């Protein structure tokens, strides 16, 4: 006899069809710059992604003394934060940044492939969860069909859709 019950309760199950695929803790790193060219910003974007950033966004802002600048928002997993921070200081002109912990909710992602009658393989990116399903043709594949058949992007998408439905 114990004064309190000596038990453990465990629940086992699967997420429902309406659940998002992922819910994870992320680190948001923000900073501003007003002395970098577009080419320098594009290179910094490339290097931040290579360092492990999940997302890098630039937004125009008006800084002190009326100077135009860029607000840079970088999303990284906590395990990659140090590498991304090092890349920020190495590849941008910022002297400091802000860090905020946040949660990221994403849909489950998959790639479907369709082979057209002429043998061309086209990929469709599909995202599902939280009661939604979104699908979009891979832009590089649509462009390849457009170039190959001398079509507009819209005509190429129509051709791919028609080929996918046959």
Protein backbone atom coordinates (compact mmCIF):
# COMPACT_ATOMS: atom_id res chain seq x y z
CA UNK A 1 0.00 0.00 0.00
CA UNK A 2 1.32 3.38 -1.08
CA UNK A 3 -0.07 6.79 -0.16
CA UNK A 4 -0.10 7.56 -3.89
CA UNK A 5 -0.62 5.24 -6.81
CA UNK A 6 2.66 3.84 -8.13
CA UNK A 7 1.77 3.72 -11.84
CA UNK A 8 2.88 5.11 -15.16
CA UNK A 9 0.46 6.03 -17.90
CA UNK A 10 1.56 6.02 -21.55
CA UNK A 11 -0.43 6.84 -24.65
CA UNK A 12 0.49 5.56 -28.07
CA UNK A 13 -1.05 6.77 -31.29
CA UNK A 14 -0.62 8.44 -34.63
CA UNK A 15 -1.31 12.00 -35.64
CA UNK A 16 -4.62 12.40 -37.38
CA UNK A 17 -4.98 13.22 -41.06
CA UNK A 18 -5.65 16.83 -40.14
CA UNK A 19 -2.39 17.31 -38.24
CA UNK A 20 0.61 19.17 -39.57
CA UNK A 21 3.68 17.08 -40.30
CA UNK A 22 6.09 18.94 -38.13
CA UNK A 23 6.13 21.27 -35.16
CA UNK A 24 9.62 22.20 -34.14
CA UNK A 25 11.52 24.78 -32.14
CA UNK A 26 13.48 27.18 -34.30
CA UNK A 27 15.70 30.21 -33.76
CA UNK A 28 14.88 33.45 -35.55
CA UNK A 29 17.88 35.71 -36.09
CA UNK A 30 17.19 39.28 -37.23
CA UNK A 31 19.45 42.17 -38.13
CA UNK A 32 19.61 45.17 -40.43
CA UNK A 33 22.18 46.37 -42.94
CA UNK A 34 22.34 49.58 -44.93
CA UNK A 35 25.73 49.31 -46.62
CA UNK A 36 25.57 46.14 -48.72
CA UNK A 37 24.97 45.89 -52.46
CA UNK A 38 22.41 43.58 -54.00
CA UNK A 39 25.18 41.28 -55.17
CA UNK A 40 26.63 41.10 -51.63
CA UNK A 41 23.20 40.34 -50.17
CA UNK A 42 22.59 37.57 -52.73
CA UNK A 43 25.96 36.01 -51.90
CA UNK A 44 25.23 36.28 -48.16
CA UNK A 45 21.88 34.56 -48.74
CA UNK A 46 23.65 31.67 -50.49
CA UNK A 47 26.23 31.32 -47.72
CA UNK A 48 23.64 31.46 -44.90
CA UNK A 49 21.65 28.67 -46.51
CA UNK A 50 24.87 26.68 -46.95
CA UNK A 51 25.60 27.20 -43.23
CA UNK A 52 22.27 25.61 -42.31
CA UNK A 53 19.68 28.41 -42.40
CA UNK A 54 16.22 27.02 -43.18
CA UNK A 55 14.98 30.35 -44.53
CA UNK A 56 16.50 33.74 -45.28
CA UNK A 57 14.28 36.75 -46.04
CA UNK A 58 15.19 40.33 -46.94
CA UNK A 59 12.70 43.19 -46.49
CA UNK A 60 13.34 46.84 -47.33
CA UNK A 61 13.31 49.19 -44.33
CA UNK A 62 14.02 52.86 -43.66
CA UNK A 63 16.89 53.16 -41.23
CA UNK A 64 18.26 56.01 -39.14
CA UNK A 65 18.93 59.27 -40.93
CA UNK A 66 16.47 58.21 -43.62
CA UNK A 67 18.79 55.68 -45.23
CA UNK A 68 17.29 52.72 -47.09
CA UNK A 69 18.38 49.37 -45.74
CA UNK A 70 17.43 45.72 -45.45
CA UNK A 71 15.90 43.84 -42.56
CA UNK A 72 17.26 40.30 -42.70
CA UNK A 73 15.30 37.50 -41.03
CA UNK A 74 17.00 34.11 -40.77
CA UNK A 75 15.38 30.92 -39.47
CA UNK A 76 17.61 28.12 -38.18
CA UNK A 77 17.34 24.99 -36.08
CA UNK A 78 18.95 25.38 -32.65
CA UNK A 79 21.65 22.83 -33.58
CA UNK A 80 22.71 24.97 -36.55
CA UNK A 81 22.44 28.36 -34.83
CA UNK A 82 26.15 28.83 -34.05
CA UNK A 83 27.21 28.05 -37.63
CA UNK A 84 24.55 30.39 -39.03
CA UNK A 85 25.50 33.21 -36.62
CA UNK A 86 29.15 32.81 -37.66
CA UNK A 87 28.11 32.99 -41.32
CA UNK A 88 26.03 36.12 -40.67
CA UNK A 89 29.01 37.92 -39.14
CA UNK A 90 31.35 36.67 -41.86
CA UNK A 91 29.20 37.42 -44.90
CA UNK A 92 27.26 40.54 -43.89
CA UNK A 93 28.22 43.95 -42.54
CA UNK A 94 26.03 43.74 -39.43
CA UNK A 95 27.57 44.47 -36.04
CA UNK A 96 24.90 42.63 -34.08
CA UNK A 97 21.74 40.56 -34.30
CA UNK A 98 18.69 39.60 -32.27
CA UNK A 99 17.76 36.02 -31.41
CA UNK A 100 14.25 34.80 -30.69
CA UNK A 101 13.10 31.24 -30.05
CA UNK A 102 9.95 30.35 -31.94
CA UNK A 103 7.91 27.36 -33.11
CA UNK A 104 7.64 26.44 -36.75
CA UNK A 105 4.66 24.53 -38.10
CA UNK A 106 5.03 22.94 -41.53
CA UNK A 107 3.03 20.66 -43.76
CA UNK A 108 4.25 17.19 -44.75
CA UNK A 109 5.99 17.36 -48.13
CA UNK A 110 6.32 14.80 -50.89
CA UNK A 111 7.31 14.71 -54.55
CA UNK A 112 5.10 12.99 -57.13
CA UNK A 113 6.38 12.28 -60.63
CA UNK A 114 4.46 12.10 -63.87
CA UNK A 115 5.86 10.80 -67.15
CA UNK A 116 4.36 12.51 -70.18
CA UNK A 117 3.62 10.67 -73.44
CA UNK A 118 6.91 11.89 -74.94
CA UNK A 119 8.88 10.44 -71.98
CA UNK A 120 9.43 13.76 -70.18
CA UNK A 121 9.38 13.31 -66.40
CA UNK A 122 7.77 16.15 -64.42
CA UNK A 123 7.78 16.51 -60.65
CA UNK A 124 4.90 17.85 -58.60
CA UNK A 125 5.56 19.10 -55.04
CA UNK A 126 2.72 18.14 -52.70
CA UNK A 127 2.14 19.45 -49.17
CA UNK A 128 -0.50 17.98 -46.87
CA UNK A 129 -1.69 18.31 -43.29
CA UNK A 130 -3.92 20.46 -41.11
CA UNK A 131 -6.81 19.55 -43.40
CA UNK A 132 -5.20 20.94 -46.58
CA UNK A 133 -3.50 19.58 -49.68
CA UNK A 134 -1.46 21.80 -51.97
CA UNK A 135 0.27 20.77 -55.17
CA UNK A 136 2.55 22.69 -57.51
CA UNK A 137 4.60 21.61 -60.50
CA UNK A 138 8.37 21.95 -60.09
CA UNK A 139 9.23 25.27 -61.78
CA UNK A 140 12.40 23.89 -63.41
CA UNK A 141 10.41 21.04 -64.99
CA UNK A 142 7.73 23.41 -66.33
CA UNK A 143 10.45 25.66 -67.78
CA UNK A 144 12.17 22.65 -69.39
CA UNK A 145 8.92 21.60 -71.11
CA UNK A 146 8.34 25.20 -72.23
CA UNK A 147 11.84 25.44 -73.72
CA UNK A 148 11.71 22.01 -75.34
CA UNK A 149 8.33 22.60 -77.00
CA UNK A 150 8.68 26.39 -77.52
CA UNK A 151 5.69 27.12 -75.25
CA UNK A 152 4.86 29.79 -72.69
CA UNK A 153 5.02 28.71 -69.05
CA UNK A 154 1.21 28.69 -68.91
CA UNK A 155 0.98 26.48 -71.99
CA UNK A 156 3.62 24.14 -70.56
CA UNK A 157 1.67 23.81 -67.28
CA UNK A 158 -1.48 22.99 -69.26
CA UNK A 159 0.39 20.35 -71.28
CA UNK A 160 1.77 18.79 -68.10
CA UNK A 161 -1.66 18.82 -66.40
CA UNK A 162 -3.26 17.18 -69.43
CA UNK A 163 -0.47 14.59 -69.54
CA UNK A 164 -0.89 13.90 -65.82
CA UNK A 165 -4.61 13.26 -66.24
CA UNK A 166 -4.30 10.71 -69.04
